[in-house]
Amino acid sequence: EGLGGSEAGAEIARELMDSVIKYQKLIGRIENGSGGAAT
């Protein structure tokens, strides 16, 4: 609401996307190494 369209907002967007991509890969590792309820 206060940062949309700003340079600070763009930096947050980059940080958020970078974090999410790493999260997805790490979840994939956990999924492959687990079973049952964890999967």
PDB file of all heavy atoms in Angstrom:
ATOM      1  N   GLU A   1       0.826  -1.210   0.000  1.00  0.00           N
ATOM      2  CA  GLU A   1       0.000   0.000   0.000  1.00  0.00           C
ATOM      3  C   GLU A   1       0.857   1.256   0.000  1.00  0.00           C
ATOM      4  O   GLU A   1       0.481   2.270  -0.584  1.00  0.00           O
ATOM      5  CB  GLU A   1      -0.940  -0.018   1.206  1.00  0.00           C
ATOM      6  CG  GLU A   1      -1.990  -1.122   1.141  1.00  0.00           C
ATOM      7  CD  GLU A   1      -2.875  -1.147   2.374  1.00  0.00           C
ATOM      8  OE1 GLU A   1      -2.747  -0.221   3.210  1.00  0.00           O
ATOM      9  OE2 GLU A   1      -3.691  -2.082   2.509  1.00  0.00           O
ATOM     10  N   GLY A   2       1.997   1.212   0.665  1.00  0.00           N
ATOM     11  CA  GLY A   2       2.853   2.385   0.718  1.00  0.00           C
ATOM     12  C   GLY A   2       4.083   2.304  -0.159  1.00  0.00           C
ATOM     13  O   GLY A   2       4.751   3.314  -0.378  1.00  0.00           O
ATOM     14  N   LEU A   3       4.386   1.081  -0.656  1.00  0.00           N
ATOM     15  CA  LEU A   3       5.640   0.909  -1.401  1.00  0.00           C
ATOM     16  C   LEU A   3       5.440   0.485  -2.850  1.00  0.00           C
ATOM     17  O   LEU A   3       6.408   0.396  -3.600  1.00  0.00           O
ATOM     18  CB  LEU A   3       6.513  -0.139  -0.695  1.00  0.00           C
ATOM     19  CG  LEU A   3       7.006   0.242   0.702  1.00  0.00           C
ATOM     20  CD1 LEU A   3       7.657  -0.964   1.363  1.00  0.00           C
ATOM     21  CD2 LEU A   3       7.978   1.403   0.637  1.00  0.00           C
ATOM     22  N   GLY A   4       4.198   0.215  -3.233  1.00  0.00           N
ATOM     23  CA  GLY A   4       3.939  -0.220  -4.595  1.00  0.00           C
ATOM     24  C   GLY A   4       4.444   0.783  -5.624  1.00  0.00           C
ATOM     25  O   GLY A   4       4.197   1.979  -5.517  1.00  0.00           O
ATOM     26  N   GLY A   5       5.190   0.294  -6.617  1.00  0.00           N
ATOM     27  CA  GLY A   5       5.705   1.152  -7.673  1.00  0.00           C
ATOM     28  C   GLY A   5       6.988   1.877  -7.339  1.00  0.00           C
ATOM     29  O   GLY A   5       7.563   2.560  -8.186  1.00  0.00           O
ATOM     30  N   SER A   6       7.494   1.736  -6.121  1.00  0.00           N
ATOM     31  CA  SER A   6       8.722   2.415  -5.720  1.00  0.00           C
ATOM     32  C   SER A   6       9.919   1.490  -5.885  1.00  0.00           C
ATOM     33  O   SER A   6       9.780   0.274  -6.062  1.00  0.00           O
ATOM     34  CB  SER A   6       8.627   2.861  -4.255  1.00  0.00           C
ATOM     35  OG  SER A   6       8.603   1.737  -3.388  1.00  0.00           O
ATOM     36  N   GLU A   7      11.123   2.075  -5.799  1.00  0.00           N
ATOM     37  CA  GLU A   7      12.341   1.266  -5.877  1.00  0.00           C
ATOM     38  C   GLU A   7      12.425   0.319  -4.685  1.00  0.00           C
ATOM     39  O   GLU A   7      12.853  -0.835  -4.813  1.00  0.00           O
ATOM     40  CB  GLU A   7      13.570   2.166  -5.929  1.00  0.00           C
ATOM     41  CG  GLU A   7      14.882   1.400  -6.032  1.00  0.00           C
ATOM     42  CD  GLU A   7      14.958   0.442  -7.209  1.00  0.00           C
ATOM     43  OE1 GLU A   7      14.428   0.796  -8.284  1.00  0.00           O
ATOM     44  OE2 GLU A   7      15.532  -0.650  -7.063  1.00  0.00           O
ATOM     45  N   ALA A   8      12.019   0.812  -3.504  1.00  0.00           N
ATOM     46  CA  ALA A   8      12.015  -0.045  -2.314  1.00  0.00           C
ATOM     47  C   ALA A   8      11.055  -1.210  -2.515  1.00  0.00           C
ATOM     48  O   ALA A   8      11.339  -2.347  -2.123  1.00  0.00           O
ATOM     49  CB  ALA A   8      11.617   0.766  -1.079  1.00  0.00           C
ATOM     50  N   GLY A   9       9.913  -0.927  -3.137  1.00  0.00           N
ATOM     51  CA  GLY A   9       8.952  -1.987  -3.414  1.00  0.00           C
ATOM     52  C   GLY A   9       9.507  -3.011  -4.382  1.00  0.00           C
ATOM     53  O   GLY A   9       9.302  -4.221  -4.219  1.00  0.00           O
ATOM     54  N   ALA A  10      10.223  -2.541  -5.396  1.00  0.00           N
ATOM     55  CA  ALA A  10      10.829  -3.453  -6.364  1.00  0.00           C
ATOM     56  C   ALA A  10      11.865  -4.346  -5.690  1.00  0.00           C
ATOM     57  O   ALA A  10      11.987  -5.536  -6.019  1.00  0.00           O
ATOM     58  CB  ALA A  10      11.473  -2.656  -7.494  1.00  0.00           C
ATOM     59  N   GLU A  11      12.616  -3.795  -4.743  1.00  0.00           N
ATOM     60  CA  GLU A  11      13.617  -4.584  -4.024  1.00  0.00           C
ATOM     61  C   GLU A  11      12.944  -5.657  -3.171  1.00  0.00           C
ATOM     62  O   GLU A  11      13.407  -6.802  -3.108  1.00  0.00           O
ATOM     63  CB  GLU A  11      14.463  -3.668  -3.136  1.00  0.00           C
ATOM     64  CG  GLU A  11      15.529  -4.388  -2.326  1.00  0.00           C
ATOM     65  CD  GLU A  11      16.520  -5.156  -3.183  1.00  0.00           C
ATOM     66  OE1 GLU A  11      16.817  -4.689  -4.310  1.00  0.00           O
ATOM     67  OE2 GLU A  11      16.989  -6.212  -2.746  1.00  0.00           O
ATOM     68  N   ILE A  12      11.828  -5.306  -2.530  1.00  0.00           N
ATOM     69  CA  ILE A  12      11.084  -6.286  -1.741  1.00  0.00           C
ATOM     70  C   ILE A  12      10.556  -7.393  -2.646  1.00  0.00           C
ATOM     71  O   ILE A  12      10.583  -8.576  -2.289  1.00  0.00           O
ATOM     72  CB  ILE A  12       9.920  -5.610  -0.992  1.00  0.00           C
ATOM     73  CG1 ILE A  12      10.453  -4.652   0.073  1.00  0.00           C
ATOM     74  CG2 ILE A  12       9.026  -6.665  -0.332  1.00  0.00           C
ATOM     75  CD1 ILE A  12       9.379  -3.874   0.786  1.00  0.00           C
ATOM     76  N   ALA A  13      10.049  -6.998  -3.829  1.00  0.00           N
ATOM     77  CA  ALA A  13       9.534  -7.990  -4.775  1.00  0.00           C
ATOM     78  C   ALA A  13      10.627  -8.977  -5.167  1.00  0.00           C
ATOM     79  O   ALA A  13      10.393 -10.185  -5.221  1.00  0.00           O
ATOM     80  CB  ALA A  13       8.980  -7.283  -6.012  1.00  0.00           C
ATOM     81  N   ARG A  14      11.831  -8.468  -5.423  1.00  0.00           N
ATOM     82  CA  ARG A  14      12.947  -9.353  -5.780  1.00  0.00           C
ATOM     83  C   ARG A  14      13.287 -10.299  -4.629  1.00  0.00           C
ATOM     84  O   ARG A  14      13.536 -11.486  -4.840  1.00  0.00           O
ATOM     85  CB  ARG A  14      14.171  -8.523  -6.171  1.00  0.00           C
ATOM     86  CG  ARG A  14      14.064  -7.853  -7.542  1.00  0.00           C
ATOM     87  CD  ARG A  14      15.397  -7.265  -7.985  1.00  0.00           C
ATOM     88  NE  ARG A  14      15.755  -6.096  -7.189  1.00  0.00           N
ATOM     89  CZ  ARG A  14      15.438  -4.852  -7.508  1.00  0.00           C
ATOM     90  NH1 ARG A  14      14.735  -4.606  -8.598  1.00  0.00           N
ATOM     91  NH2 ARG A  14      15.814  -3.834  -6.750  1.00  0.00           N
ATOM     92  N   GLU A  15      13.302  -9.751  -3.424  1.00  0.00           N
ATOM     93  CA  GLU A  15      13.614 -10.579  -2.254  1.00  0.00           C
ATOM     94  C   GLU A  15      12.554 -11.655  -2.043  1.00  0.00           C
ATOM     95  O   GLU A  15      12.871 -12.815  -1.743  1.00  0.00           O
ATOM     96  CB  GLU A  15      13.698  -9.692  -1.003  1.00  0.00           C
ATOM     97  CG  GLU A  15      14.029 -10.459   0.271  1.00  0.00           C
ATOM     98  CD  GLU A  15      14.084  -9.570   1.498  1.00  0.00           C
ATOM     99  OE1 GLU A  15      13.986  -8.328   1.351  1.00  0.00           O
ATOM    100  OE2 GLU A  15      14.206 -10.107   2.613  1.00  0.00           O
ATOM    101  N   LEU A  16      11.297 -11.267  -2.225  1.00  0.00           N
ATOM    102  CA  LEU A  16      10.206 -12.214  -2.041  1.00  0.00           C
ATOM    103  C   LEU A  16      10.274 -13.331  -3.071  1.00  0.00           C
ATOM    104  O   LEU A  16      10.151 -14.516  -2.741  1.00  0.00           O
ATOM    105  CB  LEU A  16       8.866 -11.466  -2.136  1.00  0.00           C
ATOM    106  CG  LEU A  16       7.581 -12.278  -1.929  1.00  0.00           C
ATOM    107  CD1 LEU A  16       7.621 -13.031  -0.605  1.00  0.00           C
ATOM    108  CD2 LEU A  16       6.368 -11.361  -1.977  1.00  0.00           C
ATOM    109  N   MET A  17      10.500 -12.972  -4.338  1.00  0.00           N
ATOM    110  CA  MET A  17      10.576 -13.997  -5.383  1.00  0.00           C
ATOM    111  C   MET A  17      11.776 -14.917  -5.184  1.00  0.00           C
ATOM    112  O   MET A  17      11.679 -16.135  -5.377  1.00  0.00           O
ATOM    113  CB  MET A  17      10.626 -13.333  -6.759  1.00  0.00           C
ATOM    114  CG  MET A  17       9.291 -12.731  -7.187  1.00  0.00           C
ATOM    115  SD  MET A  17       9.280 -12.141  -8.905  1.00  0.00           S
ATOM    116  CE  MET A  17      10.236 -10.634  -8.733  1.00  0.00           C
ATOM    117  N   ASP A  18      12.911 -14.344  -4.793  1.00  0.00           N
ATOM    118  CA  ASP A  18      14.108 -15.157  -4.556  1.00  0.00           C
ATOM    119  C   ASP A  18      13.862 -16.148  -3.423  1.00  0.00           C
ATOM    120  O   ASP A  18      14.228 -17.321  -3.516  1.00  0.00           O
ATOM    121  CB  ASP A  18      15.284 -14.239  -4.214  1.00  0.00           C
ATOM    122  CG  ASP A  18      16.559 -15.030  -3.942  1.00  0.00           C
ATOM    123  OD1 ASP A  18      17.073 -15.666  -4.879  1.00  0.00           O
ATOM    124  OD2 ASP A  18      17.041 -14.999  -2.787  1.00  0.00           O
ATOM    125  N   SER A  19      13.230 -15.661  -2.345  1.00  0.00           N
ATOM    126  CA  SER A  19      12.933 -16.535  -1.208  1.00  0.00           C
ATOM    127  C   SER A  19      11.999 -17.662  -1.620  1.00  0.00           C
ATOM    128  O   SER A  19      12.218 -18.832  -1.272  1.00  0.00           O
ATOM    129  CB  SER A  19      12.297 -15.729  -0.068  1.00  0.00           C
ATOM    130  OG  SER A  19      13.200 -14.777   0.458  1.00  0.00           O
ATOM    131  N   VAL A  20      10.952 -17.322  -2.374  1.00  0.00           N
ATOM    132  CA  VAL A  20       9.961 -18.321  -2.769  1.00  0.00           C
ATOM    133  C   VAL A  20      10.584 -19.408  -3.643  1.00  0.00           C
ATOM    134  O   VAL A  20      10.290 -20.600  -3.476  1.00  0.00           O
ATOM    135  CB  VAL A  20       8.787 -17.639  -3.506  1.00  0.00           C
ATOM    136  CG1 VAL A  20       7.930 -18.666  -4.232  1.00  0.00           C
ATOM    137  CG2 VAL A  20       7.934 -16.855  -2.510  1.00  0.00           C
ATOM    138  N   ILE A  21      11.457 -19.024  -4.573  1.00  0.00           N
ATOM    139  CA  ILE A  21      12.107 -20.016  -5.436  1.00  0.00           C
ATOM    140  C   ILE A  21      12.965 -20.965  -4.596  1.00  0.00           C
ATOM    141  O   ILE A  21      12.970 -22.186  -4.809  1.00  0.00           O
ATOM    142  CB  ILE A  21      12.946 -19.310  -6.516  1.00  0.00           C
ATOM    143  CG1 ILE A  21      12.024 -18.589  -7.508  1.00  0.00           C
ATOM    144  CG2 ILE A  21      13.830 -20.316  -7.261  1.00  0.00           C
ATOM    145  CD1 ILE A  21      12.744 -17.647  -8.448  1.00  0.00           C
ATOM    146  N   LYS A  22      13.681 -20.424  -3.630  1.00  0.00           N
ATOM    147  CA  LYS A  22      14.480 -21.274  -2.739  1.00  0.00           C
ATOM    148  C   LYS A  22      13.583 -22.175  -1.895  1.00  0.00           C
ATOM    149  O   LYS A  22      13.882 -23.356  -1.697  1.00  0.00           O
ATOM    150  CB  LYS A  22      15.350 -20.406  -1.830  1.00  0.00           C
ATOM    151  CG  LYS A  22      16.476 -19.675  -2.544  1.00  0.00           C
ATOM    152  CD  LYS A  22      17.228 -18.762  -1.590  1.00  0.00           C
ATOM    153  CE  LYS A  22      18.336 -18.003  -2.290  1.00  0.00           C
ATOM    154  NZ  LYS A  22      19.002 -17.040  -1.382  1.00  0.00           N
ATOM    155  N   TYR A  23      12.459 -21.617  -1.401  1.00  0.00           N
ATOM    156  CA  TYR A  23      11.522 -22.418  -0.619  1.00  0.00           C
ATOM    157  C   TYR A  23      11.044 -23.616  -1.432  1.00  0.00           C
ATOM    158  O   TYR A  23      11.010 -24.752  -0.928  1.00  0.00           O
ATOM    159  CB  TYR A  23      10.284 -21.599  -0.235  1.00  0.00           C
ATOM    160  CG  TYR A  23      10.491 -20.440   0.712  1.00  0.00           C
ATOM    161  CD1 TYR A  23       9.519 -19.439   0.816  1.00  0.00           C
ATOM    162  CD2 TYR A  23      11.625 -20.337   1.508  1.00  0.00           C
ATOM    163  CE1 TYR A  23       9.681 -18.369   1.682  1.00  0.00           C
ATOM    164  CE2 TYR A  23      11.793 -19.268   2.371  1.00  0.00           C
ATOM    165  CZ  TYR A  23      10.810 -18.280   2.455  1.00  0.00           C
ATOM    166  OH  TYR A  23      10.960 -17.216   3.311  1.00  0.00           O
ATOM    167  N   GLN A  24      10.672 -23.361  -2.701  1.00  0.00           N
ATOM    168  CA  GLN A  24      10.129 -24.436  -3.529  1.00  0.00           C
ATOM    169  C   GLN A  24      11.142 -25.569  -3.706  1.00  0.00           C
ATOM    170  O   GLN A  24      10.791 -26.743  -3.645  1.00  0.00           O
ATOM    171  CB  GLN A  24       9.723 -23.883  -4.908  1.00  0.00           C
ATOM    172  CG  GLN A  24       8.469 -23.015  -4.896  1.00  0.00           C
ATOM    173  CD  GLN A  24       7.180 -23.827  -4.855  1.00  0.00           C
ATOM    174  OE1 GLN A  24       7.147 -24.951  -4.379  1.00  0.00           O
ATOM    175  NE2 GLN A  24       6.105 -23.252  -5.352  1.00  0.00           N
ATOM    176  N   LYS A  25      12.393 -25.210  -3.948  1.00  0.00           N
ATOM    177  CA  LYS A  25      13.420 -26.232  -4.130  1.00  0.00           C
ATOM    178  C   LYS A  25      13.654 -27.026  -2.849  1.00  0.00           C
ATOM    179  O   LYS A  25      13.825 -28.253  -2.880  1.00  0.00           O
ATOM    180  CB  LYS A  25      14.724 -25.591  -4.606  1.00  0.00           C
ATOM    181  CG  LYS A  25      14.663 -25.052  -6.029  1.00  0.00           C
ATOM    182  CD  LYS A  25      16.013 -24.508  -6.484  1.00  0.00           C
ATOM    183  CE  LYS A  25      15.963 -24.019  -7.920  1.00  0.00           C
ATOM    184  NZ  LYS A  25      17.276 -23.522  -8.388  1.00  0.00           N
ATOM    185  N   LEU A  26      13.650 -26.312  -1.737  1.00  0.00           N
ATOM    186  CA  LEU A  26      13.892 -26.987  -0.456  1.00  0.00           C
ATOM    187  C   LEU A  26      12.719 -27.893  -0.096  1.00  0.00           C
ATOM    188  O   LEU A  26      12.919 -29.002   0.431  1.00  0.00           O
ATOM    189  CB  LEU A  26      14.114 -25.929   0.634  1.00  0.00           C
ATOM    190  CG  LEU A  26      14.751 -26.390   1.947  1.00  0.00           C
ATOM    191  CD1 LEU A  26      15.996 -27.235   1.694  1.00  0.00           C
ATOM    192  CD2 LEU A  26      15.108 -25.182   2.809  1.00  0.00           C
ATOM    193  N   ILE A  27      11.515 -27.452  -0.389  1.00  0.00           N
ATOM    194  CA  ILE A  27      10.342 -28.303  -0.151  1.00  0.00           C
ATOM    195  C   ILE A  27      10.451 -29.563  -0.994  1.00  0.00           C
ATOM    196  O   ILE A  27      10.111 -30.668  -0.539  1.00  0.00           O
ATOM    197  CB  ILE A  27       9.038 -27.542  -0.482  1.00  0.00           C
ATOM    198  CG1 ILE A  27       8.821 -26.398   0.502  1.00  0.00           C
ATOM    199  CG2 ILE A  27       7.836 -28.497  -0.429  1.00  0.00           C
ATOM    200  CD1 ILE A  27       7.695 -25.458   0.111  1.00  0.00           C
ATOM    201  N   GLY A  28      10.924 -29.423  -2.235  1.00  0.00           N
ATOM    202  CA  GLY A  28      11.097 -30.589  -3.100  1.00  0.00           C
ATOM    203  C   GLY A  28      12.061 -31.600  -2.507  1.00  0.00           C
ATOM    204  O   GLY A  28      11.839 -32.816  -2.578  1.00  0.00           O
ATOM    205  N   ARG A  29      13.139 -31.125  -1.902  1.00  0.00           N
ATOM    206  CA  ARG A  29      14.105 -32.015  -1.254  1.00  0.00           C
ATOM    207  C   ARG A  29      13.442 -32.768  -0.100  1.00  0.00           C
ATOM    208  O   ARG A  29      13.632 -33.977   0.062  1.00  0.00           O
ATOM    209  CB  ARG A  29      15.291 -31.215  -0.710  1.00  0.00           C
ATOM    210  CG  ARG A  29      16.318 -30.824  -1.764  1.00  0.00           C
ATOM    211  CD  ARG A  29      17.382 -29.914  -1.165  1.00  0.00           C
ATOM    212  NE  ARG A  29      18.024 -30.483   0.008  1.00  0.00           N
ATOM    213  CZ  ARG A  29      19.071 -31.300  -0.020  1.00  0.00           C
ATOM    214  NH1 ARG A  29      19.598 -31.634  -1.181  1.00  0.00           N
ATOM    215  NH2 ARG A  29      19.612 -31.758   1.087  1.00  0.00           N
ATOM    216  N   ILE A  30      12.668 -32.030   0.695  1.00  0.00           N
ATOM    217  CA  ILE A  30      12.001 -32.656   1.843  1.00  0.00           C
ATOM    218  C   ILE A  30      10.984 -33.682   1.365  1.00  0.00           C
ATOM    219  O   ILE A  30      10.875 -34.790   1.909  1.00  0.00           O
ATOM    220  CB  ILE A  30      11.313 -31.584   2.714  1.00  0.00           C
ATOM    221  CG1 ILE A  30      12.363 -30.634   3.307  1.00  0.00           C
ATOM    222  CG2 ILE A  30      10.501 -32.232   3.833  1.00  0.00           C
ATOM    223  CD1 ILE A  30      11.774 -29.417   4.003  1.00  0.00           C
ATOM    224  N   GLU A  31      10.237 -33.312   0.321  1.00  0.00           N
ATOM    225  CA  GLU A  31       9.208 -34.202  -0.221  1.00  0.00           C
ATOM    226  C   GLU A  31       9.826 -35.501  -0.719  1.00  0.00           C
ATOM    227  O   GLU A  31       9.295 -36.595  -0.481  1.00  0.00           O
ATOM    228  CB  GLU A  31       8.472 -33.492  -1.348  1.00  0.00           C
ATOM    229  CG  GLU A  31       7.276 -34.250  -1.905  1.00  0.00           C
ATOM    230  CD  GLU A  31       6.545 -33.444  -2.955  1.00  0.00           C
ATOM    231  OE1 GLU A  31       7.199 -32.648  -3.661  1.00  0.00           O
ATOM    232  OE2 GLU A  31       5.314 -33.600  -3.064  1.00  0.00           O
ATOM    233  N   ASN A  32      10.957 -35.393  -1.416  1.00  0.00           N
ATOM    234  CA  ASN A  32      11.613 -36.585  -1.958  1.00  0.00           C
ATOM    235  C   ASN A  32      12.203 -37.472  -0.870  1.00  0.00           C
ATOM    236  O   ASN A  32      12.333 -38.680  -1.058  1.00  0.00           O
ATOM    237  CB  ASN A  32      12.727 -36.176  -2.924  1.00  0.00           C
ATOM    238  CG  ASN A  32      12.187 -35.691  -4.257  1.00  0.00           C
ATOM    239  OD1 ASN A  32      10.995 -35.790  -4.519  1.00  0.00           O
ATOM    240  ND2 ASN A  32      13.048 -35.147  -5.095  1.00  0.00           N
ATOM    241  N   GLY A  33      12.565 -36.870   0.266  1.00  0.00           N
ATOM    242  CA  GLY A  33      13.191 -37.645   1.328  1.00  0.00           C
ATOM    243  C   GLY A  33      12.249 -38.069   2.426  1.00  0.00           C
ATOM    244  O   GLY A  33      12.690 -38.625   3.437  1.00  0.00           O
ATOM    245  N   SER A  34      10.957 -37.814   2.249  1.00  0.00           N
ATOM    246  CA  SER A  34       9.985 -38.131   3.291  1.00  0.00           C
ATOM    247  C   SER A  34       8.898 -39.044   2.748  1.00  0.00           C
ATOM    248  O   SER A  34       8.912 -39.450   1.592  1.00  0.00           O
ATOM    249  CB  SER A  34       9.346 -36.834   3.834  1.00  0.00           C
ATOM    250  OG  SER A  34      10.328 -35.943   4.310  1.00  0.00           O
ATOM    251  N   GLY A  35       7.941 -39.332   3.604  1.00  0.00           N
ATOM    252  CA  GLY A  35       6.813 -40.170   3.209  1.00  0.00           C
ATOM    253  C   GLY A  35       5.626 -39.873   4.097  1.00  0.00           C
ATOM    254  O   GLY A  35       5.705 -39.074   5.044  1.00  0.00           O
ATOM    255  N   GLY A  36       4.522 -40.520   3.825  1.00  0.00           N
ATOM    256  CA  GLY A  36       3.338 -40.381   4.663  1.00  0.00           C
ATOM    257  C   GLY A  36       2.826 -38.962   4.770  1.00  0.00           C
ATOM    258  O   GLY A  36       2.696 -38.234   3.783  1.00  0.00           O
ATOM    259  N   ALA A  37       2.547 -38.553   6.003  1.00  0.00           N
ATOM    260  CA  ALA A  37       1.979 -37.236   6.255  1.00  0.00           C
ATOM    261  C   ALA A  37       2.904 -36.117   5.805  1.00  0.00           C
ATOM    262  O   ALA A  37       2.445 -35.048   5.396  1.00  0.00           O
ATOM    263  CB  ALA A  37       1.664 -37.080   7.750  1.00  0.00           C
ATOM    264  N   ALA A  38       4.207 -36.345   5.863  1.00  0.00           N
ATOM    265  CA  ALA A  38       5.172 -35.311   5.464  1.00  0.00           C
ATOM    266  C   ALA A  38       5.074 -35.023   3.971  1.00  0.00           C
ATOM    267  O   ALA A  38       5.181 -33.868   3.551  1.00  0.00           O
ATOM    268  CB  ALA A  38       6.587 -35.743   5.825  1.00  0.00           C
ATOM    269  N   THR A  39       4.869 -36.056   3.164  1.00  0.00           N
ATOM    270  CA  THR A  39       4.737 -35.862   1.723  1.00  0.00           C
ATOM    271  C   THR A  39       3.504 -35.033   1.405  1.00  0.00           C
ATOM    272  O   THR A  39       3.539 -34.123   0.561  1.00  0.00           O
ATOM    273  CB  THR A  39       4.654 -37.225   1.005  1.00  0.00           C
ATOM    274  OG1 THR A  39       5.840 -37.976   1.290  1.00  0.00           O
ATOM    275  CG2 THR A  39       4.515 -37.040  -0.489  1.00  0.00           C
TER     276      THR A  39
END
